PDB file of N, CA and C in Angstrom:
ATOM      1  N   MET A   1      69.398 -31.619 243.762  1.00  0.00           N
ATOM      2  CA  MET A   1      69.790 -32.964 243.699  1.00  0.00           C
ATOM      3  C   MET A   1      70.303 -33.236 242.264  1.00  0.00           C
ATOM      4  N   ARG A   2      71.410 -33.904 242.157  1.00  0.00           N
ATOM      5  CA  ARG A   2      71.974 -34.263 240.875  1.00  0.00           C
ATOM      6  C   ARG A   2      71.879 -35.742 240.677  1.00  0.00           C
ATOM      7  N   PHE A   3      71.564 -36.163 239.501  1.00  0.00           N
ATOM      8  CA  PHE A   3      71.516 -37.567 239.171  1.00  0.00           C
ATOM      9  C   PHE A   3      72.755 -37.936 238.346  1.00  0.00           C
ATOM     10  N   ASN A   4      73.270 -39.086 238.597  1.00  0.00           N
ATOM     11  CA  ASN A   4      74.360 -39.620 237.768  1.00  0.00           C
ATOM     12  C   ASN A   4      73.752 -40.115 236.462  1.00  0.00           C
ATOM     13  N   THR A   5      73.928 -39.398 235.376  1.00  0.00           N
ATOM     14  CA  THR A   5      73.290 -39.725 234.149  1.00  0.00           C
ATOM     15  C   THR A   5      73.839 -40.999 233.528  1.00  0.00           C
ATOM     16  N   ASP A   6      74.999 -41.454 233.986  1.00  0.00           N
ATOM     17  CA  ASP A   6      75.562 -42.709 233.486  1.00  0.00           C
ATOM     18  C   ASP A   6      74.688 -43.908 233.858  1.00  0.00           C
ATOM     19  N   GLN A   7      73.848 -43.713 234.938  1.00  0.00           N
ATOM     20  CA  GLN A   7      73.003 -44.792 235.396  1.00  0.00           C
ATOM     21  C   GLN A   7      71.771 -45.072 234.506  1.00  0.00           C
ATOM     22  N   PHE A   8      71.465 -44.068 233.696  1.00  0.00           N
ATOM     23  CA  PHE A   8      70.217 -44.125 232.913  1.00  0.00           C
ATOM     24  C   PHE A   8      70.554 -44.148 231.395  1.00  0.00           C
ATOM     25  N   ALA A   9      69.781 -44.978 230.723  1.00  0.00           N
ATOM     26  CA  ALA A   9      69.938 -44.983 229.250  1.00  0.00           C
ATOM     27  C   ALA A   9      69.420 -43.658 228.663  1.00  0.00           C
ATOM     28  N   SER A  10      70.059 -43.148 227.697  1.00  0.00           N
ATOM     29  CA  SER A  10      69.562 -41.898 227.074  1.00  0.00           C
ATOM     30  C   SER A  10      68.326 -42.211 226.276  1.00  0.00           C
ATOM     31  N   ASP A  11      67.505 -41.201 226.035  1.00  0.00           N
ATOM     32  CA  ASP A  11      66.283 -41.395 225.230  1.00  0.00           C
ATOM     33  C   ASP A  11      66.578 -42.001 223.901  1.00  0.00           C
ATOM     34  N   ASN A  12      67.710 -41.592 223.274  1.00  0.00           N
ATOM     35  CA  ASN A  12      68.008 -42.109 221.946  1.00  0.00           C
ATOM     36  C   ASN A  12      68.365 -43.569 221.888  1.00  0.00           C
ATOM     37  N   ASN A  13      68.713 -44.154 223.018  1.00  0.00           N
ATOM     38  CA  ASN A  13      69.117 -45.519 223.090  1.00  0.00           C
ATOM     39  C   ASN A  13      67.947 -46.404 223.589  1.00  0.00           C
ATOM     40  N   PHE A  14      66.820 -45.812 223.921  1.00  0.00           N
ATOM     41  CA  PHE A  14      65.723 -46.613 224.426  1.00  0.00           C
ATOM     42  C   PHE A  14      64.924 -47.237 223.291  1.00  0.00           C
ATOM     43  N   ASP A  15      64.868 -48.552 223.239  1.00  0.00           N
ATOM     44  CA  ASP A  15      64.200 -49.245 222.157  1.00  0.00           C
ATOM     45  C   ASP A  15      62.784 -49.579 222.621  1.00  0.00           C
ATOM     46  N   THR A  16      61.799 -49.287 221.851  1.00  0.00           N
ATOM     47  CA  THR A  16      60.412 -49.642 222.143  1.00  0.00           C
ATOM     48  C   THR A  16      59.936 -50.575 221.101  1.00  0.00           C
ATOM     49  N   PRO A  17      58.970 -51.389 221.436  1.00  0.00           N
ATOM     50  CA  PRO A  17      58.359 -52.291 220.444  1.00  0.00           C
ATOM     51  C   PRO A  17      57.798 -51.423 219.294  1.00  0.00           C
ATOM     52  N   GLU A  18      57.746 -51.962 218.081  1.00  0.00           N
ATOM     53  CA  GLU A  18      57.337 -51.237 216.916  1.00  0.00           C
ATOM     54  C   GLU A  18      55.922 -50.631 217.044  1.00  0.00           C
ATOM     55  N   ASN A  19      55.023 -51.361 217.715  1.00  0.00           N
ATOM     56  CA  ASN A  19      53.654 -50.872 217.785  1.00  0.00           C
ATOM     57  C   ASN A  19      53.399 -49.873 218.908  1.00  0.00           C
ATOM     58  N   VAL A  20      54.448 -49.507 219.674  1.00  0.00           N
ATOM     59  CA  VAL A  20      54.264 -48.553 220.720  1.00  0.00           C
ATOM     60  C   VAL A  20      54.755 -47.173 220.237  1.00  0.00           C
ATOM     61  N   ASP A  21      53.854 -46.246 220.118  1.00  0.00           N
ATOM     62  CA  ASP A  21      54.217 -44.918 219.677  1.00  0.00           C
ATOM     63  C   ASP A  21      53.555 -43.868 220.580  1.00  0.00           C
ATOM     64  N   ALA A  22      53.770 -42.617 220.253  1.00  0.00           N
ATOM     65  CA  ALA A  22      53.212 -41.561 221.146  1.00  0.00           C
ATOM     66  C   ALA A  22      51.698 -41.631 221.224  1.00  0.00           C
ATOM     67  N   GLU A  23      51.016 -41.924 220.153  1.00  0.00           N
ATOM     68  CA  GLU A  23      49.555 -41.961 220.210  1.00  0.00           C
ATOM     69  C   GLU A  23      49.089 -43.128 221.096  1.00  0.00           C
ATOM     70  N   TYR A  24      49.720 -44.271 220.991  1.00  0.00           N
ATOM     71  CA  TYR A  24      49.357 -45.485 221.795  1.00  0.00           C
ATOM     72  C   TYR A  24      49.593 -45.179 223.276  1.00  0.00           C
ATOM     73  N   VAL A  25      50.735 -44.594 223.587  1.00  0.00           N
ATOM     74  CA  VAL A  25      51.053 -44.310 224.987  1.00  0.00           C
ATOM     75  C   VAL A  25      50.054 -43.311 225.563  1.00  0.00           C
ATOM     76  N   THR A  26      49.728 -42.269 224.784  1.00  0.00           N
ATOM     77  CA  THR A  26      48.790 -41.261 225.264  1.00  0.00           C
ATOM     78  C   THR A  26      47.401 -41.903 225.453  1.00  0.00           C
ATOM     79  N   GLU A  27      46.981 -42.730 224.527  1.00  0.00           N
ATOM     80  CA  GLU A  27      45.679 -43.383 224.635  1.00  0.00           C
ATOM     81  C   GLU A  27      45.589 -44.261 225.878  1.00  0.00           C
ATOM     82  N   GLN A  28      46.659 -45.021 226.172  1.00  0.00           N
ATOM     83  CA  GLN A  28      46.682 -45.901 227.344  1.00  0.00           C
ATOM     84  C   GLN A  28      46.682 -45.069 228.623  1.00  0.00           C
ATOM     85  N   SER A  29      47.434 -43.948 228.628  1.00  0.00           N
ATOM     86  CA  SER A  29      47.476 -43.089 229.839  1.00  0.00           C
ATOM     87  C   SER A  29      46.138 -42.428 230.075  1.00  0.00           C
ATOM     88  N   MET A  30      45.506 -41.917 228.976  1.00  0.00           N
ATOM     89  CA  MET A  30      44.233 -41.284 229.169  1.00  0.00           C
ATOM     90  C   MET A  30      43.183 -42.287 229.662  1.00  0.00           C
ATOM     91  N   SER A  31      43.252 -43.522 229.174  1.00  0.00           N
ATOM     92  CA  SER A  31      42.299 -44.517 229.587  1.00  0.00           C
ATOM     93  C   SER A  31      42.490 -44.867 231.083  1.00  0.00           C
ATOM     94  N   ALA A  32      43.710 -44.925 231.528  1.00  0.00           N
ATOM     95  CA  ALA A  32      43.978 -45.200 232.960  1.00  0.00           C
ATOM     96  C   ALA A  32      43.498 -44.025 233.809  1.00  0.00           C
ATOM     97  N   LEU A  33      43.730 -42.819 233.378  1.00  0.00           N
ATOM     98  CA  LEU A  33      43.233 -41.670 234.136  1.00  0.00           C
ATOM     99  C   LEU A  33      41.715 -41.653 234.252  1.00  0.00           C
ATOM    100  N   TRP A  34      41.067 -42.025 233.118  1.00  0.00           N
ATOM    101  CA  TRP A  34      39.603 -42.062 233.112  1.00  0.00           C
ATOM    102  C   TRP A  34      39.105 -43.096 234.112  1.00  0.00           C
ATOM    103  N   ASP A  35      39.681 -44.342 234.036  1.00  0.00           N
ATOM    104  CA  ASP A  35      39.250 -45.404 234.874  1.00  0.00           C
ATOM    105  C   ASP A  35      39.518 -45.237 236.349  1.00  0.00           C
ATOM    106  N   LEU A  36      40.689 -44.644 236.645  1.00  0.00           N
ATOM    107  CA  LEU A  36      41.118 -44.538 238.051  1.00  0.00           C
ATOM    108  C   LEU A  36      40.699 -43.256 238.709  1.00  0.00           C
ATOM    109  N   VAL A  37      40.515 -42.157 237.933  1.00  0.00           N
ATOM    110  CA  VAL A  37      40.302 -40.866 238.563  1.00  0.00           C
ATOM    111  C   VAL A  37      38.987 -40.232 238.181  1.00  0.00           C
ATOM    112  N   ILE A  38      38.753 -40.098 236.866  1.00  0.00           N
ATOM    113  CA  ILE A  38      37.636 -39.291 236.418  1.00  0.00           C
ATOM    114  C   ILE A  38      36.284 -39.985 236.549  1.00  0.00           C
ATOM    115  N   ALA A  39      36.183 -41.263 236.055  1.00  0.00           N
ATOM    116  CA  ALA A  39      34.919 -41.997 236.140  1.00  0.00           C
ATOM    117  C   ALA A  39      34.397 -42.119 237.565  1.00  0.00           C
ATOM    118  N   PRO A  40      35.228 -42.447 238.520  1.00  0.00           N
ATOM    119  CA  PRO A  40      34.699 -42.618 239.915  1.00  0.00           C
ATOM    120  C   PRO A  40      34.126 -41.337 240.497  1.00  0.00           C
ATOM    121  N   MET A  41      34.590 -40.171 240.026  1.00  0.00           N
ATOM    122  CA  MET A  41      34.071 -38.949 240.607  1.00  0.00           C
ATOM    123  C   MET A  41      33.181 -38.132 239.628  1.00  0.00           C
ATOM    124  N   GLN A  42      32.676 -38.821 238.605  1.00  0.00           N
ATOM    125  CA  GLN A  42      31.889 -38.146 237.581  1.00  0.00           C
ATOM    126  C   GLN A  42      30.697 -37.392 238.177  1.00  0.00           C
ATOM    127  N   ASP A  43      30.078 -37.913 239.187  1.00  0.00           N
ATOM    128  CA  ASP A  43      28.899 -37.250 239.778  1.00  0.00           C
ATOM    129  C   ASP A  43      29.265 -35.988 240.504  1.00  0.00           C
ATOM    130  N   GLN A  44      30.514 -35.818 240.864  1.00  0.00           N
ATOM    131  CA  GLN A  44      30.958 -34.632 241.586  1.00  0.00           C
ATOM    132  C   GLN A  44      31.465 -33.508 240.628  1.00  0.00           C
ATOM    133  N   LEU A  45      31.582 -33.823 239.387  1.00  0.00           N
ATOM    134  CA  LEU A  45      32.137 -32.860 238.425  1.00  0.00           C
ATOM    135  C   LEU A  45      31.060 -31.925 237.886  1.00  0.00           C
ATOM    136  N   THR A  46      31.402 -30.681 237.849  1.00  0.00           N
ATOM    137  CA  THR A  46      30.464 -29.676 237.226  1.00  0.00           C
ATOM    138  C   THR A  46      30.594 -29.793 235.723  1.00  0.00           C
ATOM    139  N   ASP A  47      29.687 -29.135 235.032  1.00  0.00           N
ATOM    140  CA  ASP A  47      29.766 -29.068 233.529  1.00  0.00           C
ATOM    141  C   ASP A  47      31.064 -28.401 233.131  1.00  0.00           C
ATOM    142  N   GLU A  48      31.483 -27.389 233.842  1.00  0.00           N
ATOM    143  CA  GLU A  48      32.707 -26.656 233.548  1.00  0.00           C
ATOM    144  C   GLU A  48      33.901 -27.634 233.711  1.00  0.00           C
ATOM    145  N   ASP A  49      33.905 -28.433 234.735  1.00  0.00           N
ATOM    146  CA  ASP A  49      34.942 -29.407 234.956  1.00  0.00           C
ATOM    147  C   ASP A  49      35.002 -30.386 233.784  1.00  0.00           C
ATOM    148  N   LYS A  50      33.845 -30.914 233.361  1.00  0.00           N
ATOM    149  CA  LYS A  50      33.795 -31.864 232.292  1.00  0.00           C
ATOM    150  C   LYS A  50      34.275 -31.245 230.959  1.00  0.00           C
ATOM    151  N   THR A  51      33.927 -30.019 230.756  1.00  0.00           N
ATOM    152  CA  THR A  51      34.406 -29.339 229.544  1.00  0.00           C
ATOM    153  C   THR A  51      35.925 -29.178 229.550  1.00  0.00           C
ATOM    154  N   LEU A  52      36.463 -28.786 230.720  1.00  0.00           N
ATOM    155  CA  LEU A  52      37.896 -28.642 230.835  1.00  0.00           C
ATOM    156  C   LEU A  52      38.612 -29.978 230.632  1.00  0.00           C
ATOM    157  N   ILE A  53      38.072 -31.057 231.174  1.00  0.00           N
ATOM    158  CA  ILE A  53      38.666 -32.361 230.989  1.00  0.00           C
ATOM    159  C   ILE A  53      38.655 -32.755 229.517  1.00  0.00           C
ATOM    160  N   ALA A  54      37.559 -32.452 228.829  1.00  0.00           N
ATOM    161  CA  ALA A  54      37.471 -32.747 227.373  1.00  0.00           C
ATOM    162  C   ALA A  54      38.527 -31.954 226.603  1.00  0.00           C
ATOM    163  N   VAL A  55      38.701 -30.690 226.912  1.00  0.00           N
ATOM    164  CA  VAL A  55      39.680 -29.855 226.243  1.00  0.00           C
ATOM    165  C   VAL A  55      41.080 -30.419 226.507  1.00  0.00           C
ATOM    166  N   ILE A  56      41.375 -30.779 227.735  1.00  0.00           N
ATOM    167  CA  ILE A  56      42.685 -31.359 228.076  1.00  0.00           C
ATOM    168  C   ILE A  56      42.910 -32.609 227.307  1.00  0.00           C
ATOM    169  N   GLY A  57      41.880 -33.475 227.189  1.00  0.00           N
ATOM    170  CA  GLY A  57      42.016 -34.727 226.460  1.00  0.00           C
ATOM    171  C   GLY A  57      42.275 -34.465 224.978  1.00  0.00           C
ATOM    172  N   MET A  58      41.598 -33.522 224.395  1.00  0.00           N
ATOM    173  CA  MET A  58      41.851 -33.193 222.976  1.00  0.00           C
ATOM    174  C   MET A  58      43.264 -32.611 222.800  1.00  0.00           C
ATOM    175  N   THR A  59      43.738 -31.851 223.749  1.00  0.00           N
ATOM    176  CA  THR A  59      45.090 -31.281 223.689  1.00  0.00           C
ATOM    177  C   THR A  59      46.106 -32.411 223.746  1.00  0.00           C
ATOM    178  N   PHE A  60      45.902 -33.350 224.671  1.00  0.00           N
ATOM    179  CA  PHE A  60      46.816 -34.538 224.747  1.00  0.00           C
ATOM    180  C   PHE A  60      46.862 -35.278 223.411  1.00  0.00           C
ATOM    181  N   LYS A  61      45.670 -35.482 222.800  1.00  0.00           N
ATOM    182  CA  LYS A  61      45.636 -36.225 221.518  1.00  0.00           C
ATOM    183  C   LYS A  61      46.354 -35.445 220.422  1.00  0.00           C
ATOM    184  N   LEU A  62      46.186 -34.122 220.403  1.00  0.00           N
ATOM    185  CA  LEU A  62      46.868 -33.290 219.408  1.00  0.00           C
ATOM    186  C   LEU A  62      48.407 -33.359 219.538  1.00  0.00           C
ATOM    187  N   VAL A  63      48.852 -33.251 220.805  1.00  0.00           N
ATOM    188  CA  VAL A  63      50.318 -33.344 221.058  1.00  0.00           C
ATOM    189  C   VAL A  63      50.809 -34.739 220.690  1.00  0.00           C
ATOM    190  N   ALA A  64      50.039 -35.746 221.020  1.00  0.00           N
ATOM    191  CA  ALA A  64      50.480 -37.119 220.681  1.00  0.00           C
ATOM    192  C   ALA A  64      50.533 -37.316 219.150  1.00  0.00           C
ATOM    193  N   HIS A  65      49.583 -36.790 218.463  1.00  0.00           N
ATOM    194  CA  HIS A  65      49.588 -36.887 217.010  1.00  0.00           C
ATOM    195  C   HIS A  65      50.860 -36.201 216.408  1.00  0.00           C
ATOM    196  N   LYS A  66      51.152 -35.039 216.919  1.00  0.00           N
ATOM    197  CA  LYS A  66      52.355 -34.336 216.413  1.00  0.00           C
ATOM    198  C   LYS A  66      53.632 -35.104 216.784  1.00  0.00           C
ATOM    199  N   ALA A  67      53.655 -35.686 217.943  1.00  0.00           N
ATOM    200  CA  ALA A  67      54.822 -36.499 218.351  1.00  0.00           C
ATOM    201  C   ALA A  67      54.939 -37.749 217.482  1.00  0.00           C
ATOM    202  N   LYS A  68      53.817 -38.323 217.145  1.00  0.00           N
ATOM    203  CA  LYS A  68      53.790 -39.478 216.246  1.00  0.00           C
ATOM    204  C   LYS A  68      54.301 -39.143 214.873  1.00  0.00           C
ATOM    205  N   CYS A  69      53.908 -37.993 214.326  1.00  0.00           N
ATOM    206  CA  CYS A  69      54.413 -37.469 213.066  1.00  0.00           C
ATOM    207  C   CYS A  69      55.920 -37.306 213.119  1.00  0.00           C
ATOM    208  N   TYR A  70      56.450 -36.756 214.177  1.00  0.00           N
ATOM    209  CA  TYR A  70      57.847 -36.583 214.379  1.00  0.00           C
ATOM    210  C   TYR A  70      58.552 -37.947 214.409  1.00  0.00           C
ATOM    211  N   GLU A  71      57.966 -38.896 215.180  1.00  0.00           N
ATOM    212  CA  GLU A  71      58.534 -40.238 215.187  1.00  0.00           C
ATOM    213  C   GLU A  71      58.595 -40.865 213.800  1.00  0.00           C
ATOM    214  N   ASP A  72      57.531 -40.689 213.021  1.00  0.00           N
ATOM    215  CA  ASP A  72      57.553 -41.203 211.673  1.00  0.00           C
ATOM    216  C   ASP A  72      58.645 -40.568 210.828  1.00  0.00           C
ATOM    217  N   ILE A  73      58.818 -39.321 210.936  1.00  0.00           N
ATOM    218  CA  ILE A  73      59.900 -38.626 210.192  1.00  0.00           C
ATOM    219  C   ILE A  73      61.259 -39.171 210.605  1.00  0.00           C
ATOM    220  N   GLN A  74      61.446 -39.322 211.890  1.00  0.00           N
ATOM    221  CA  GLN A  74      62.704 -39.851 212.415  1.00  0.00           C
ATOM    222  C   GLN A  74      62.991 -41.279 211.842  1.00  0.00           C
ATOM    223  N   LYS A  75      61.938 -42.047 211.656  1.00  0.00           N
ATOM    224  CA  LYS A  75      62.090 -43.421 211.117  1.00  0.00           C
ATOM    225  C   LYS A  75      62.149 -43.417 209.612  1.00  0.00           C
ATOM    226  N   GLY A  76      61.908 -42.272 208.977  1.00  0.00           N
ATOM    227  CA  GLY A  76      61.937 -42.240 207.495  1.00  0.00           C
ATOM    228  C   GLY A  76      60.581 -42.648 206.924  1.00  0.00           C
ATOM    229  N   ASN A  77      59.565 -42.742 207.733  1.00  0.00           N
ATOM    230  CA  ASN A  77      58.222 -43.160 207.271  1.00  0.00           C
ATOM    231  C   ASN A  77      57.368 -41.903 206.994  1.00  0.00           C
ATOM    232  N   HIS A  78      57.640 -41.287 205.891  1.00  0.00           N
ATOM    233  CA  HIS A  78      56.844 -40.125 205.504  1.00  0.00           C
ATOM    234  C   HIS A  78      56.634 -40.101 204.030  1.00  0.00           C
ATOM    235  N   ASP A  79      55.644 -39.372 203.615  1.00  0.00           N
ATOM    236  CA  ASP A  79      55.355 -39.232 202.172  1.00  0.00           C
ATOM    237  C   ASP A  79      56.479 -38.453 201.561  1.00  0.00           C
ATOM    238  N   LYS A  80      56.855 -38.881 200.351  1.00  0.00           N
ATOM    239  CA  LYS A  80      57.972 -38.185 199.666  1.00  0.00           C
ATOM    240  C   LYS A  80      57.645 -36.743 199.385  1.00  0.00           C
ATOM    241  N   ASN A  81      56.381 -36.338 199.266  1.00  0.00           N
ATOM    242  CA  ASN A  81      56.008 -35.002 198.980  1.00  0.00           C
ATOM    243  C   ASN A  81      55.855 -34.142 200.308  1.00  0.00           C
ATOM    244  N   SER A  82      55.996 -34.775 201.477  1.00  0.00           N
ATOM    245  CA  SER A  82      55.790 -34.069 202.712  1.00  0.00           C
ATOM    246  C   SER A  82      56.895 -33.073 203.010  1.00  0.00           C
ATOM    247  N   LEU A  83      58.038 -33.203 202.372  1.00  0.00           N
ATOM    248  CA  LEU A  83      59.155 -32.305 202.624  1.00  0.00           C
ATOM    249  C   LEU A  83      59.146 -31.109 201.677  1.00  0.00           C
ATOM    250  N   ASN A  84      58.213 -31.056 200.740  1.00  0.00           N
ATOM    251  CA  ASN A  84      58.160 -29.915 199.794  1.00  0.00           C
ATOM    252  C   ASN A  84      57.572 -28.701 200.393  1.00  0.00           C
TER     253      ASN A  84
END
């Protein structure tokens, strides 16, 4: 299936509010997943399941932090010594 890309704004033209960044979006998504999926079935999860969920959560946070750093660089919000 092909999509007509003229119908969609490109990522570069998508304006988000200033306070919405990769870390915020990840935090909100993880919170929704916890509330809707993980918490209701907590009694059914094994210790191994819980450990895996924790590792996945930390991985999401790490990726979000790196994405936030990239966003900051794109906006010019970085320490002058960070490029050395």
